[in-house]
Amino acid sequence: MLSLAAGFRKEPASKEIKSARKNGKPRSNGVPLTRGELLTAHQRALKVAETMTVREGFQSLVTAGIITPAGKLSPRYGG
């Protein structure tokens, strides 16, 4: 598999492909967040989680695929 992937692309990507950004905003895909951005996102998530009711928290876990509607762990998580 490695040898197949290594020979897949023999020429570099054109400049048109490399500069796909048109709106001037930084890309979030593949760009690591700064420590400050991570802390802000964490604090925001904690605020949301603290204000959730038990039912909303349960539904959030079901929507994420962590548990089933019956309350058991999904197969992906060992259930």
N, C-alpha and C. Protein backbone atom coordinates (compact mmCIF):
# COMPACT_ATOMS: atom_id res chain seq x y z
N MET A 1 0.82 -1.19 0.00
CA MET A 1 0.00 0.00 0.00
C MET A 1 0.86 1.26 0.00
N LEU A 2 1.96 1.22 0.76
CA LEU A 2 2.83 2.37 0.83
C LEU A 2 3.45 2.68 -0.52
N SER A 3 3.89 1.66 -1.25
CA SER A 3 4.51 1.89 -2.55
C SER A 3 3.50 2.44 -3.54
N LEU A 4 2.24 2.03 -3.43
CA LEU A 4 1.21 2.54 -4.31
C LEU A 4 0.97 4.02 -4.03
N ALA A 5 0.90 4.40 -2.77
CA ALA A 5 0.66 5.79 -2.40
C ALA A 5 1.85 6.66 -2.75
N ALA A 6 3.05 6.13 -2.63
CA ALA A 6 4.24 6.93 -2.90
C ALA A 6 4.35 7.29 -4.37
N GLY A 7 3.90 6.43 -5.28
CA GLY A 7 3.99 6.72 -6.70
C GLY A 7 2.75 7.36 -7.27
N PHE A 8 1.78 7.64 -6.46
CA PHE A 8 0.51 8.18 -6.93
C PHE A 8 0.66 9.57 -7.53
N ARG A 9 1.37 10.44 -6.88
CA ARG A 9 1.50 11.82 -7.34
C ARG A 9 2.96 12.07 -7.69
N LYS A 10 3.22 12.33 -8.97
CA LYS A 10 4.60 12.51 -9.41
C LYS A 10 4.96 13.96 -9.65
N GLU A 11 3.97 14.81 -9.81
CA GLU A 11 4.26 16.23 -10.02
C GLU A 11 3.57 17.06 -8.95
N PRO A 12 4.14 18.20 -8.60
CA PRO A 12 3.53 19.02 -7.54
C PRO A 12 2.18 19.59 -7.98
N ALA A 13 1.36 19.93 -6.99
CA ALA A 13 0.06 20.53 -7.28
C ALA A 13 0.25 21.90 -7.91
N SER A 14 -0.65 22.25 -8.82
CA SER A 14 -0.54 23.56 -9.46
C SER A 14 -0.86 24.66 -8.47
N LYS A 15 -0.47 25.88 -8.79
CA LYS A 15 -0.72 27.01 -7.89
C LYS A 15 -2.22 27.28 -7.76
N GLU A 16 -2.99 26.95 -8.78
CA GLU A 16 -4.44 27.15 -8.72
C GLU A 16 -5.05 26.31 -7.60
N ILE A 17 -4.56 25.11 -7.42
CA ILE A 17 -5.08 24.23 -6.38
C ILE A 17 -4.62 24.71 -5.01
N LYS A 18 -3.38 25.15 -4.92
CA LYS A 18 -2.84 25.56 -3.63
C LYS A 18 -3.53 26.81 -3.09
N SER A 19 -3.98 27.70 -3.93
CA SER A 19 -4.59 28.94 -3.46
C SER A 19 -6.10 28.88 -3.65
N ALA A 20 -6.72 27.89 -3.04
CA ALA A 20 -8.16 27.71 -3.18
C ALA A 20 -8.95 28.68 -2.31
N ARG A 21 -8.30 29.34 -1.36
CA ARG A 21 -9.01 30.30 -0.50
C ARG A 21 -9.37 31.53 -1.31
N LYS A 22 -10.63 31.92 -1.23
CA LYS A 22 -11.06 33.10 -1.96
C LYS A 22 -11.56 34.21 -1.04
N ASN A 23 -11.92 33.84 0.19
CA ASN A 23 -12.50 34.84 1.08
C ASN A 23 -11.49 35.47 2.03
N GLY A 24 -10.25 35.05 1.99
CA GLY A 24 -9.22 35.64 2.83
C GLY A 24 -9.22 35.17 4.27
N LYS A 25 -10.17 34.33 4.64
CA LYS A 25 -10.22 33.83 6.01
C LYS A 25 -9.24 32.67 6.17
N PRO A 26 -8.64 32.53 7.34
CA PRO A 26 -7.73 31.40 7.53
C PRO A 26 -8.52 30.09 7.52
N ARG A 27 -7.90 29.08 7.00
CA ARG A 27 -8.54 27.76 6.96
C ARG A 27 -8.48 27.13 8.34
N SER A 28 -9.54 26.46 8.73
CA SER A 28 -9.52 25.76 10.01
C SER A 28 -9.21 24.28 9.80
N ASN A 29 -9.32 23.81 8.59
CA ASN A 29 -9.07 22.40 8.31
C ASN A 29 -7.57 22.14 8.26
N GLY A 30 -7.06 21.42 9.25
CA GLY A 30 -5.64 21.09 9.25
C GLY A 30 -4.76 22.12 9.93
N VAL A 31 -5.30 23.26 10.34
CA VAL A 31 -4.51 24.28 11.00
C VAL A 31 -4.72 24.13 12.50
N PRO A 32 -3.67 23.88 13.26
CA PRO A 32 -3.85 23.71 14.70
C PRO A 32 -4.28 25.01 15.36
N LEU A 33 -5.16 24.89 16.33
CA LEU A 33 -5.63 26.05 17.06
C LEU A 33 -4.59 26.47 18.10
N THR A 34 -4.62 27.73 18.45
CA THR A 34 -3.70 28.21 19.48
C THR A 34 -4.24 27.78 20.84
N ARG A 35 -3.39 27.90 21.85
CA ARG A 35 -3.80 27.54 23.21
C ARG A 35 -4.99 28.38 23.65
N GLY A 36 -4.95 29.66 23.34
CA GLY A 36 -6.04 30.56 23.71
C GLY A 36 -7.35 30.18 23.05
N GLU A 37 -7.29 29.81 21.77
CA GLU A 37 -8.49 29.40 21.05
C GLU A 37 -9.06 28.11 21.63
N LEU A 38 -8.18 27.18 21.98
CA LEU A 38 -8.64 25.93 22.59
C LEU A 38 -9.29 26.18 23.94
N LEU A 39 -8.69 27.04 24.76
CA LEU A 39 -9.27 27.34 26.08
C LEU A 39 -10.62 28.02 25.94
N THR A 40 -10.75 28.93 24.99
CA THR A 40 -12.01 29.62 24.76
C THR A 40 -13.09 28.64 24.33
N ALA A 41 -12.74 27.74 23.41
CA ALA A 41 -13.70 26.74 22.95
C ALA A 41 -14.10 25.81 24.08
N HIS A 42 -13.14 25.45 24.93
CA HIS A 42 -13.42 24.57 26.07
C HIS A 42 -14.37 25.26 27.05
N GLN A 43 -14.11 26.52 27.35
CA GLN A 43 -14.97 27.26 28.28
C GLN A 43 -16.38 27.40 27.72
N ARG A 44 -16.50 27.65 26.42
CA ARG A 44 -17.80 27.76 25.77
C ARG A 44 -18.56 26.44 25.86
N ALA A 45 -17.86 25.33 25.62
CA ALA A 45 -18.50 24.01 25.69
C ALA A 45 -18.94 23.70 27.12
N LEU A 46 -18.13 24.08 28.11
CA LEU A 46 -18.51 23.85 29.50
C LEU A 46 -19.74 24.65 29.88
N LYS A 47 -19.84 25.89 29.42
CA LYS A 47 -21.02 26.71 29.71
C LYS A 47 -22.27 26.06 29.16
N VAL A 48 -22.18 25.55 27.93
CA VAL A 48 -23.33 24.90 27.31
C VAL A 48 -23.70 23.64 28.09
N ALA A 49 -22.70 22.85 28.45
CA ALA A 49 -22.96 21.60 29.18
C ALA A 49 -23.56 21.86 30.56
N GLU A 50 -23.12 22.93 31.22
CA GLU A 50 -23.63 23.23 32.56
C GLU A 50 -25.09 23.66 32.54
N THR A 51 -25.53 24.25 31.44
CA THR A 51 -26.91 24.73 31.37
C THR A 51 -27.86 23.69 30.79
N MET A 52 -27.35 22.54 30.36
CA MET A 52 -28.20 21.48 29.80
C MET A 52 -29.00 20.79 30.88
N THR A 53 -30.21 20.41 30.52
CA THR A 53 -30.98 19.55 31.40
C THR A 53 -30.47 18.12 31.21
N VAL A 54 -30.90 17.23 32.07
CA VAL A 54 -30.51 15.83 31.95
C VAL A 54 -30.99 15.27 30.62
N ARG A 55 -32.20 15.61 30.25
CA ARG A 55 -32.77 15.11 28.98
C ARG A 55 -31.97 15.64 27.79
N GLU A 56 -31.58 16.92 27.81
CA GLU A 56 -30.79 17.48 26.71
C GLU A 56 -29.41 16.82 26.64
N GLY A 57 -28.80 16.57 27.79
CA GLY A 57 -27.51 15.90 27.81
C GLY A 57 -27.59 14.49 27.25
N PHE A 58 -28.65 13.77 27.63
CA PHE A 58 -28.87 12.42 27.12
C PHE A 58 -29.05 12.46 25.61
N GLN A 59 -29.87 13.37 25.12
CA GLN A 59 -30.12 13.48 23.68
C GLN A 59 -28.84 13.86 22.94
N SER A 60 -28.01 14.66 23.53
CA SER A 60 -26.73 15.03 22.92
C SER A 60 -25.84 13.81 22.74
N LEU A 61 -25.81 12.93 23.75
CA LEU A 61 -25.01 11.70 23.65
C LEU A 61 -25.57 10.75 22.60
N VAL A 62 -26.90 10.69 22.49
CA VAL A 62 -27.53 9.85 21.46
C VAL A 62 -27.21 10.40 20.08
N THR A 63 -27.34 11.71 19.91
CA THR A 63 -27.05 12.34 18.62
C THR A 63 -25.60 12.14 18.20
N ALA A 64 -24.69 12.18 19.17
CA ALA A 64 -23.27 11.99 18.88
C ALA A 64 -22.94 10.53 18.58
N GLY A 65 -23.88 9.62 18.87
CA GLY A 65 -23.65 8.20 18.61
C GLY A 65 -22.89 7.49 19.70
N ILE A 66 -22.81 8.10 20.86
CA ILE A 66 -22.08 7.49 21.98
C ILE A 66 -22.94 6.46 22.69
N ILE A 67 -24.22 6.78 22.86
CA ILE A 67 -25.14 5.82 23.47
C ILE A 67 -26.35 5.64 22.55
N THR A 68 -27.07 4.56 22.78
CA THR A 68 -28.29 4.30 22.02
C THR A 68 -29.47 4.96 22.72
N PRO A 69 -30.59 5.10 22.04
CA PRO A 69 -31.78 5.67 22.70
C PRO A 69 -32.23 4.86 23.92
N ALA A 70 -31.82 3.59 24.00
CA ALA A 70 -32.17 2.76 25.15
C ALA A 70 -31.23 3.02 26.34
N GLY A 71 -30.18 3.82 26.13
CA GLY A 71 -29.27 4.15 27.22
C GLY A 71 -28.04 3.27 27.30
N LYS A 72 -27.86 2.37 26.36
CA LYS A 72 -26.68 1.49 26.34
C LYS A 72 -25.59 2.14 25.50
N LEU A 73 -24.33 1.77 25.78
CA LEU A 73 -23.24 2.25 24.93
C LEU A 73 -23.42 1.72 23.52
N SER A 74 -23.09 2.55 22.54
CA SER A 74 -23.19 2.09 21.15
C SER A 74 -22.05 1.10 20.89
N PRO A 75 -22.20 0.26 19.88
CA PRO A 75 -21.15 -0.74 19.58
C PRO A 75 -19.77 -0.11 19.35
N ARG A 76 -19.76 1.06 18.80
CA ARG A 76 -18.49 1.75 18.54
C ARG A 76 -17.72 2.01 19.84
N TYR A 77 -18.45 2.19 20.93
CA TYR A 77 -17.84 2.49 22.22
C TYR A 77 -17.87 1.30 23.16
N GLY A 78 -18.00 0.11 22.61
CA GLY A 78 -17.90 -1.11 23.41
C GLY A 78 -19.21 -1.64 23.94
N GLY A 79 -20.33 -1.12 23.47
CA GLY A 79 -21.63 -1.59 23.96
C GLY A 79 -22.14 -2.77 23.20
